[in-house]
Amino acid sequence: MEKRKYDFAESDKLKALLWCNRHCCYCGKVKGIGIEVAHLDPKSSDLDNAIPLCFDCHAAVGHYNSQHPRGRKYSIPELKARRDQIYEQHTRHLVPPVRYALEQKGHTLPDVGFHISNLGTTYPVQAQILVKLARGSQAHSFDSGHYSGKVLWNLNPSFGVNGHFAVPEALSGSDPLRARVDVTLVDIYGREHRLLPVGWVLDLKRRDDWYLEPSMEILDIP
């Protein structure tokens, strides 16, 4: 069969079907072979544009007469949100509990320690770590390396990793040093699960360790 211009890659179709466990991403029913990987936008072959649908829901999504509108048309944002609900329902068991924190004990500024552990005993997981730092009005993010959010850390069950990074000289001064850490976990089927961001503060008057700061103010680092 001839491949169409905007066909999804077979590897992406496999991911979509694994993530939904062959459940339709609108009605939520298991459909076995009665399912197809449909396009949200007919001119995009990106994985984020794919939505597994049963035959009935695929027909309903595509059927709407804008000249004589009745009811409410399915929108792409609604379909994506519903699809992601189904994906999450069938992949969340693959994500183990993970603990991570900034550490200053055993480290001297500008060196900062970081630890992350897979607390589960069943599934391995990969982690993307994005660290942003700020002091006063000055902010810094890492463009490359292990703390840029571009590198995958391998975390096997009951396995932890100790790392560290250096605070840049541009963030000098007497103000408390703030940090925002964003962690995205990637399950064994390649689906990303983004955790809520977490903030930490290092008070330079004490310099002994970081303390957790969950308020939104500390997280607002550009």
C-alpha atoms as a PDB file:
ATOM      1  CA  MET A   1       0.000   0.000   0.000  1.00  0.00           C
ATOM      2  CA  GLU A   2       1.351   3.411  -0.969  1.00  0.00           C
ATOM      3  CA  LYS A   3       2.294   5.635   1.965  1.00  0.00           C
ATOM      4  CA  ARG A   4       0.378   8.893   2.082  1.00  0.00           C
ATOM      5  CA  LYS A   5       2.192  12.174   2.625  1.00  0.00           C
ATOM      6  CA  TYR A   6       0.957  12.736   6.177  1.00  0.00           C
ATOM      7  CA  ASP A   7       0.828   9.137   7.381  1.00  0.00           C
ATOM      8  CA  PHE A   8       2.106   8.601  10.906  1.00  0.00           C
ATOM      9  CA  ALA A   9       5.301   6.636  11.345  1.00  0.00           C
ATOM     10  CA  GLU A  10       4.632   3.026  12.342  1.00  0.00           C
ATOM     11  CA  SER A  11       6.628   3.577  15.547  1.00  0.00           C
ATOM     12  CA  ASP A  12       4.340   6.489  16.470  1.00  0.00           C
ATOM     13  CA  LYS A  13       1.209   4.438  15.748  1.00  0.00           C
ATOM     14  CA  LEU A  14       2.563   1.739  18.044  1.00  0.00           C
ATOM     15  CA  LYS A  15       3.160   4.273  20.831  1.00  0.00           C
ATOM     16  CA  ALA A  16      -0.353   5.702  20.511  1.00  0.00           C
ATOM     17  CA  LEU A  17      -1.956   2.246  20.644  1.00  0.00           C
ATOM     18  CA  LEU A  18       0.167   1.192  23.630  1.00  0.00           C
ATOM     19  CA  TRP A  19      -0.584   4.420  25.510  1.00  0.00           C
ATOM     20  CA  CYS A  20      -4.352   3.948  25.147  1.00  0.00           C
ATOM     21  CA  ASN A  21      -4.234   0.134  25.432  1.00  0.00           C
ATOM     22  CA  ARG A  22      -6.478   0.040  22.339  1.00  0.00           C
ATOM     23  CA  HIS A  23      -9.218   2.062  24.044  1.00  0.00           C
ATOM     24  CA  CYS A  24     -10.929   4.713  21.935  1.00  0.00           C
ATOM     25  CA  CYS A  25      -9.664   8.124  23.044  1.00  0.00           C
ATOM     26  CA  TYR A  26     -13.130   9.627  23.009  1.00  0.00           C
ATOM     27  CA  CYS A  27     -15.705   7.071  24.177  1.00  0.00           C
ATOM     28  CA  GLY A  28     -13.074   5.314  26.291  1.00  0.00           C
ATOM     29  CA  LYS A  29     -14.222   1.805  25.300  1.00  0.00           C
ATOM     30  CA  VAL A  30     -11.799  -1.009  24.504  1.00  0.00           C
ATOM     31  CA  LYS A  31     -12.026  -1.699  20.758  1.00  0.00           C
ATOM     32  CA  GLY A  32      -9.426  -4.338  19.932  1.00  0.00           C
ATOM     33  CA  ILE A  33      -8.879  -4.302  16.174  1.00  0.00           C
ATOM     34  CA  GLY A  34     -11.785  -1.875  15.666  1.00  0.00           C
ATOM     35  CA  ILE A  35      -9.604   1.177  16.191  1.00  0.00           C
ATOM     36  CA  GLU A  36      -7.556   3.490  13.979  1.00  0.00           C
ATOM     37  CA  VAL A  37      -4.959   6.169  14.605  1.00  0.00           C
ATOM     38  CA  ALA A  38      -6.665   9.292  13.287  1.00  0.00           C
ATOM     39  CA  HIS A  39      -5.399  12.798  12.542  1.00  0.00           C
ATOM     40  CA  LEU A  40      -6.476  15.854  14.500  1.00  0.00           C
ATOM     41  CA  ASP A  41      -5.000  18.016  11.739  1.00  0.00           C
ATOM     42  CA  PRO A  42      -5.029  16.292   8.313  1.00  0.00           C
ATOM     43  CA  LYS A  43      -1.761  18.004   7.363  1.00  0.00           C
ATOM     44  CA  SER A  44       0.472  16.924  10.235  1.00  0.00           C
ATOM     45  CA  SER A  45       2.177  13.598  10.885  1.00  0.00           C
ATOM     46  CA  ASP A  46       3.514  14.547  14.355  1.00  0.00           C
ATOM     47  CA  LEU A  47       2.747  12.112  17.163  1.00  0.00           C
ATOM     48  CA  ASP A  48       0.961  14.877  19.114  1.00  0.00           C
ATOM     49  CA  ASN A  49      -1.464  15.116  16.174  1.00  0.00           C
ATOM     50  CA  ALA A  50      -2.510  11.459  16.509  1.00  0.00           C
ATOM     51  CA  ILE A  51      -5.622  10.240  18.310  1.00  0.00           C
ATOM     52  CA  PRO A  52      -6.728   6.594  18.438  1.00  0.00           C
ATOM     53  CA  LEU A  53     -10.464   6.433  17.728  1.00  0.00           C
ATOM     54  CA  CYS A  54     -13.027   3.709  17.146  1.00  0.00           C
ATOM     55  CA  PHE A  55     -14.863   3.813  13.835  1.00  0.00           C
ATOM     56  CA  ASP A  56     -18.025   5.402  15.289  1.00  0.00           C
ATOM     57  CA  CYS A  57     -16.156   8.178  17.134  1.00  0.00           C
ATOM     58  CA  HIS A  58     -13.922   8.848  14.131  1.00  0.00           C
ATOM     59  CA  ALA A  59     -17.028   9.369  12.015  1.00  0.00           C
ATOM     60  CA  ALA A  60     -18.650  11.610  14.655  1.00  0.00           C
ATOM     61  CA  VAL A  61     -15.520  13.740  15.060  1.00  0.00           C
ATOM     62  CA  GLY A  62     -15.364  14.375  11.333  1.00  0.00           C
ATOM     63  CA  HIS A  63     -19.083  14.971  10.824  1.00  0.00           C
ATOM     64  CA  TYR A  64     -20.198  18.555  11.339  1.00  0.00           C
ATOM     65  CA  ASN A  65     -21.958  20.893   8.952  1.00  0.00           C
ATOM     66  CA  SER A  66     -20.689  24.415   9.613  1.00  0.00           C
ATOM     67  CA  GLN A  67     -23.338  25.804   7.242  1.00  0.00           C
ATOM     68  CA  HIS A  68     -26.134  24.447   9.431  1.00  0.00           C
ATOM     69  CA  PRO A  69     -24.577  24.175  12.870  1.00  0.00           C
ATOM     70  CA  ARG A  70     -26.423  22.273  15.547  1.00  0.00           C
ATOM     71  CA  GLY A  71     -24.905  21.023  18.750  1.00  0.00           C
ATOM     72  CA  ARG A  72     -21.242  21.704  19.355  1.00  0.00           C
ATOM     73  CA  LYS A  73     -18.362  20.699  17.118  1.00  0.00           C
ATOM     74  CA  TYR A  74     -15.501  18.663  18.566  1.00  0.00           C
ATOM     75  CA  SER A  75     -12.539  21.020  18.944  1.00  0.00           C
ATOM     76  CA  ILE A  76      -8.904  19.940  18.696  1.00  0.00           C
ATOM     77  CA  PRO A  77      -8.107  21.155  22.263  1.00  0.00           C
ATOM     78  CA  GLU A  78     -11.053  19.130  23.628  1.00  0.00           C
ATOM     79  CA  LEU A  79     -10.000  16.034  21.682  1.00  0.00           C
ATOM     80  CA  LYS A  80      -6.394  16.354  22.859  1.00  0.00           C
ATOM     81  CA  ALA A  81      -7.485  16.758  26.469  1.00  0.00           C
ATOM     82  CA  ARG A  82      -9.770  13.710  26.254  1.00  0.00           C
ATOM     83  CA  ARG A  83      -7.045  11.691  24.499  1.00  0.00           C
ATOM     84  CA  ASP A  84      -4.538  12.603  27.215  1.00  0.00           C
ATOM     85  CA  GLN A  85      -7.039  11.487  29.878  1.00  0.00           C
ATOM     86  CA  ILE A  86      -7.213   8.061  28.243  1.00  0.00           C
ATOM     87  CA  TYR A  87      -3.440   7.887  27.789  1.00  0.00           C
ATOM     88  CA  GLU A  88      -2.911   8.770  31.456  1.00  0.00           C
ATOM     89  CA  GLN A  89      -5.471   6.218  32.604  1.00  0.00           C
ATOM     90  CA  HIS A  90      -3.615   3.414  30.842  1.00  0.00           C
ATOM     91  CA  THR A  91       0.013   4.458  31.510  1.00  0.00           C
ATOM     92  CA  ARG A  92       0.081   5.943  35.009  1.00  0.00           C
ATOM     93  CA  HIS A  93       0.743   2.537  36.569  1.00  0.00           C
ATOM     94  CA  LEU A  94       4.060   2.509  34.676  1.00  0.00           C
ATOM     95  CA  VAL A  95       5.355   5.542  36.600  1.00  0.00           C
ATOM     96  CA  PRO A  96       7.024   4.644  39.919  1.00  0.00           C
ATOM     97  CA  PRO A  97       7.271   7.024  42.868  1.00  0.00           C
ATOM     98  CA  VAL A  98      10.361   9.211  42.516  1.00  0.00           C
ATOM     99  CA  ARG A  99      12.103  11.318  45.146  1.00  0.00           C
ATOM    100  CA  TYR A 100      14.501  14.147  44.320  1.00  0.00           C
ATOM    101  CA  ALA A 101      16.083  17.109  46.097  1.00  0.00           C
ATOM    102  CA  LEU A 102      18.858  19.681  46.052  1.00  0.00           C
ATOM    103  CA  GLU A 103      21.570  19.045  48.654  1.00  0.00           C
ATOM    104  CA  GLN A 104      24.284  21.263  50.062  1.00  0.00           C
ATOM    105  CA  LYS A 105      25.735  18.924  52.666  1.00  0.00           C
ATOM    106  CA  GLY A 106      29.041  17.654  51.316  1.00  0.00           C
ATOM    107  CA  HIS A 107      29.118  20.454  48.726  1.00  0.00           C
ATOM    108  CA  THR A 108      30.590  23.956  48.880  1.00  0.00           C
ATOM    109  CA  LEU A 109      29.218  26.785  46.772  1.00  0.00           C
ATOM    110  CA  PRO A 110      29.293  27.295  43.868  1.00  0.00           C
ATOM    111  CA  ASP A 111      28.870  23.490  43.768  1.00  0.00           C
ATOM    112  CA  VAL A 112      25.319  22.207  44.416  1.00  0.00           C
ATOM    113  CA  GLY A 113      24.356  18.569  44.867  1.00  0.00           C
ATOM    114  CA  PHE A 114      21.307  16.855  43.386  1.00  0.00           C
ATOM    115  CA  HIS A 115      19.851  13.443  44.165  1.00  0.00           C
ATOM    116  CA  ILE A 116      17.036  11.510  42.480  1.00  0.00           C
ATOM    117  CA  SER A 117      15.777   7.997  43.284  1.00  0.00           C
ATOM    118  CA  ASN A 118      13.324   5.532  41.761  1.00  0.00           C
ATOM    119  CA  LEU A 119      11.468   4.287  44.850  1.00  0.00           C
ATOM    120  CA  GLY A 120       9.534   1.642  42.933  1.00  0.00           C
ATOM    121  CA  THR A 121      10.439  -2.032  42.665  1.00  0.00           C
ATOM    122  CA  THR A 122       8.894  -2.922  39.292  1.00  0.00           C
ATOM    123  CA  TYR A 123       9.382  -0.476  36.433  1.00  0.00           C
ATOM    124  CA  PRO A 124      12.440   1.415  35.239  1.00  0.00           C
ATOM    125  CA  VAL A 125      11.868   5.015  34.231  1.00  0.00           C
ATOM    126  CA  GLN A 126      13.824   7.809  32.572  1.00  0.00           C
ATOM    127  CA  ALA A 127      13.911  11.369  33.909  1.00  0.00           C
ATOM    128  CA  GLN A 128      14.505  14.742  32.310  1.00  0.00           C
ATOM    129  CA  ILE A 129      15.779  17.303  34.831  1.00  0.00           C
ATOM    130  CA  LEU A 130      15.419  21.036  34.182  1.00  0.00           C
ATOM    131  CA  VAL A 131      16.998  23.351  36.778  1.00  0.00           C
ATOM    132  CA  LYS A 132      16.533  27.130  36.794  1.00  0.00           C
ATOM    133  CA  LEU A 133      18.391  29.351  39.259  1.00  0.00           C
ATOM    134  CA  ALA A 134      17.811  32.930  40.382  1.00  0.00           C
ATOM    135  CA  ARG A 135      19.269  35.440  42.791  1.00  0.00           C
ATOM    136  CA  GLY A 136      17.612  38.810  43.076  1.00  0.00           C
ATOM    137  CA  SER A 137      16.626  39.844  39.539  1.00  0.00           C
ATOM    138  CA  GLN A 138      19.254  37.631  37.873  1.00  0.00           C
ATOM    139  CA  ALA A 139      18.235  34.237  36.482  1.00  0.00           C
ATOM    140  CA  HIS A 140      20.039  31.349  34.818  1.00  0.00           C
ATOM    141  CA  SER A 141      19.032  28.134  33.062  1.00  0.00           C
ATOM    142  CA  PHE A 142      21.289  25.448  31.629  1.00  0.00           C
ATOM    143  CA  ASP A 143      21.379  25.299  27.818  1.00  0.00           C
ATOM    144  CA  SER A 144      22.970  21.857  27.728  1.00  0.00           C
ATOM    145  CA  GLY A 145      24.034  19.040  30.016  1.00  0.00           C
ATOM    146  CA  HIS A 146      22.276  16.931  32.599  1.00  0.00           C
ATOM    147  CA  TYR A 147      20.217  19.816  34.063  1.00  0.00           C
ATOM    148  CA  SER A 148      18.951  21.302  30.795  1.00  0.00           C
ATOM    149  CA  GLY A 149      15.917  19.036  30.455  1.00  0.00           C
ATOM    150  CA  LYS A 150      17.474  17.594  27.283  1.00  0.00           C
ATOM    151  CA  VAL A 151      19.226  14.552  28.780  1.00  0.00           C
ATOM    152  CA  LEU A 152      17.511  11.340  29.891  1.00  0.00           C
ATOM    153  CA  TRP A 153      18.615   9.930  33.252  1.00  0.00           C
ATOM    154  CA  ASN A 154      18.155   6.145  33.538  1.00  0.00           C
ATOM    155  CA  LEU A 155      16.526   5.122  36.826  1.00  0.00           C
ATOM    156  CA  ASN A 156      16.141   1.388  37.377  1.00  0.00           C
ATOM    157  CA  PRO A 157      13.882   0.101  40.201  1.00  0.00           C
ATOM    158  CA  SER A 158      15.223   0.915  43.694  1.00  0.00           C
ATOM    159  CA  PHE A 159      18.032   2.902  42.085  1.00  0.00           C
ATOM    160  CA  GLY A 160      19.295   6.409  42.855  1.00  0.00           C
ATOM    161  CA  VAL A 161      21.695   8.848  41.221  1.00  0.00           C
ATOM    162  CA  ASN A 162      23.826  11.543  42.850  1.00  0.00           C
ATOM    163  CA  GLY A 163      24.836  14.503  40.694  1.00  0.00           C
ATOM    164  CA  HIS A 164      25.931  18.100  41.014  1.00  0.00           C
ATOM    165  CA  PHE A 165      26.127  21.381  39.107  1.00  0.00           C
ATOM    166  CA  ALA A 166      27.848  24.729  39.521  1.00  0.00           C
ATOM    167  CA  VAL A 167      26.094  28.034  40.207  1.00  0.00           C
ATOM    168  CA  PRO A 168      27.351  30.541  37.572  1.00  0.00           C
ATOM    169  CA  GLU A 169      29.403  33.536  38.697  1.00  0.00           C
ATOM    170  CA  ALA A 170      26.735  35.876  37.301  1.00  0.00           C
ATOM    171  CA  LEU A 171      24.493  34.880  40.208  1.00  0.00           C
ATOM    172  CA  SER A 172      26.727  36.393  42.863  1.00  0.00           C
ATOM    173  CA  GLY A 173      25.430  38.535  45.703  1.00  0.00           C
ATOM    174  CA  SER A 174      23.956  38.339  49.178  1.00  0.00           C
ATOM    175  CA  ASP A 175      20.350  37.560  48.232  1.00  0.00           C
ATOM    176  CA  PRO A 176      19.061  34.021  48.892  1.00  0.00           C
ATOM    177  CA  LEU A 177      19.690  31.658  46.002  1.00  0.00           C
ATOM    178  CA  ARG A 178      16.472  30.265  44.536  1.00  0.00           C
ATOM    179  CA  ALA A 179      16.026  27.180  42.385  1.00  0.00           C
ATOM    180  CA  ARG A 180      13.146  25.721  40.399  1.00  0.00           C
ATOM    181  CA  VAL A 181      13.328  22.063  39.401  1.00  0.00           C
ATOM    182  CA  ASP A 182      11.077  20.593  36.713  1.00  0.00           C
ATOM    183  CA  VAL A 183      11.085  16.803  36.374  1.00  0.00           C
ATOM    184  CA  THR A 184       9.522  14.899  33.493  1.00  0.00           C
ATOM    185  CA  LEU A 185       9.377  11.097  33.752  1.00  0.00           C
ATOM    186  CA  VAL A 186       9.366   8.924  30.627  1.00  0.00           C
ATOM    187  CA  ASP A 187       7.775   5.497  31.024  1.00  0.00           C
ATOM    188  CA  ILE A 188       8.864   2.235  29.367  1.00  0.00           C
ATOM    189  CA  TYR A 189       6.528   2.947  26.417  1.00  0.00           C
ATOM    190  CA  GLY A 190       8.061   6.381  25.821  1.00  0.00           C
ATOM    191  CA  ARG A 191       5.220   8.525  27.199  1.00  0.00           C
ATOM    192  CA  GLU A 192       6.149  11.648  29.150  1.00  0.00           C
ATOM    193  CA  HIS A 193       4.636  12.380  32.585  1.00  0.00           C
ATOM    194  CA  ARG A 194       5.436  15.889  33.769  1.00  0.00           C
ATOM    195  CA  LEU A 195       5.526  16.404  37.524  1.00  0.00           C
ATOM    196  CA  LEU A 196       4.573  19.692  39.154  1.00  0.00           C
ATOM    197  CA  PRO A 197       7.587  22.025  39.523  1.00  0.00           C
ATOM    198  CA  VAL A 198       9.223  22.321  42.935  1.00  0.00           C
ATOM    199  CA  GLY A 199      11.186  25.232  44.394  1.00  0.00           C
ATOM    200  CA  TRP A 200      14.118  25.385  46.813  1.00  0.00           C
ATOM    201  CA  VAL A 201      15.888  28.250  48.600  1.00  0.00           C
ATOM    202  CA  LEU A 202      19.425  28.458  50.005  1.00  0.00           C
ATOM    203  CA  ASP A 203      19.805  31.133  52.669  1.00  0.00           C
ATOM    204  CA  LEU A 204      23.390  32.376  52.436  1.00  0.00           C
ATOM    205  CA  LYS A 205      23.393  33.409  56.113  1.00  0.00           C
ATOM    206  CA  ARG A 206      23.226  29.738  57.085  1.00  0.00           C
ATOM    207  CA  ARG A 207      24.687  27.989  53.995  1.00  0.00           C
ATOM    208  CA  ASP A 208      23.940  24.579  55.493  1.00  0.00           C
ATOM    209  CA  ASP A 209      21.294  23.250  53.136  1.00  0.00           C
ATOM    210  CA  TRP A 210      18.376  24.032  50.853  1.00  0.00           C
ATOM    211  CA  TYR A 211      14.822  24.206  52.153  1.00  0.00           C
ATOM    212  CA  LEU A 212      11.714  23.392  50.187  1.00  0.00           C
ATOM    213  CA  GLU A 213       9.543  26.324  49.080  1.00  0.00           C
ATOM    214  CA  PRO A 214       6.297  25.151  47.425  1.00  0.00           C
ATOM    215  CA  SER A 215       4.714  28.580  46.843  1.00  0.00           C
ATOM    216  CA  MET A 216       4.198  29.841  43.300  1.00  0.00           C
ATOM    217  CA  GLU A 217       6.359  32.927  43.898  1.00  0.00           C
ATOM    218  CA  ILE A 218       9.533  30.876  44.152  1.00  0.00           C
ATOM    219  CA  LEU A 219       8.600  28.977  41.009  1.00  0.00           C
ATOM    220  CA  ASP A 220       8.280  32.102  38.894  1.00  0.00           C
ATOM    221  CA  ILE A 221      11.793  32.012  37.431  1.00  0.00           C
ATOM    222  CA  PRO A 222      12.042  32.950  33.737  1.00  0.00           C
END
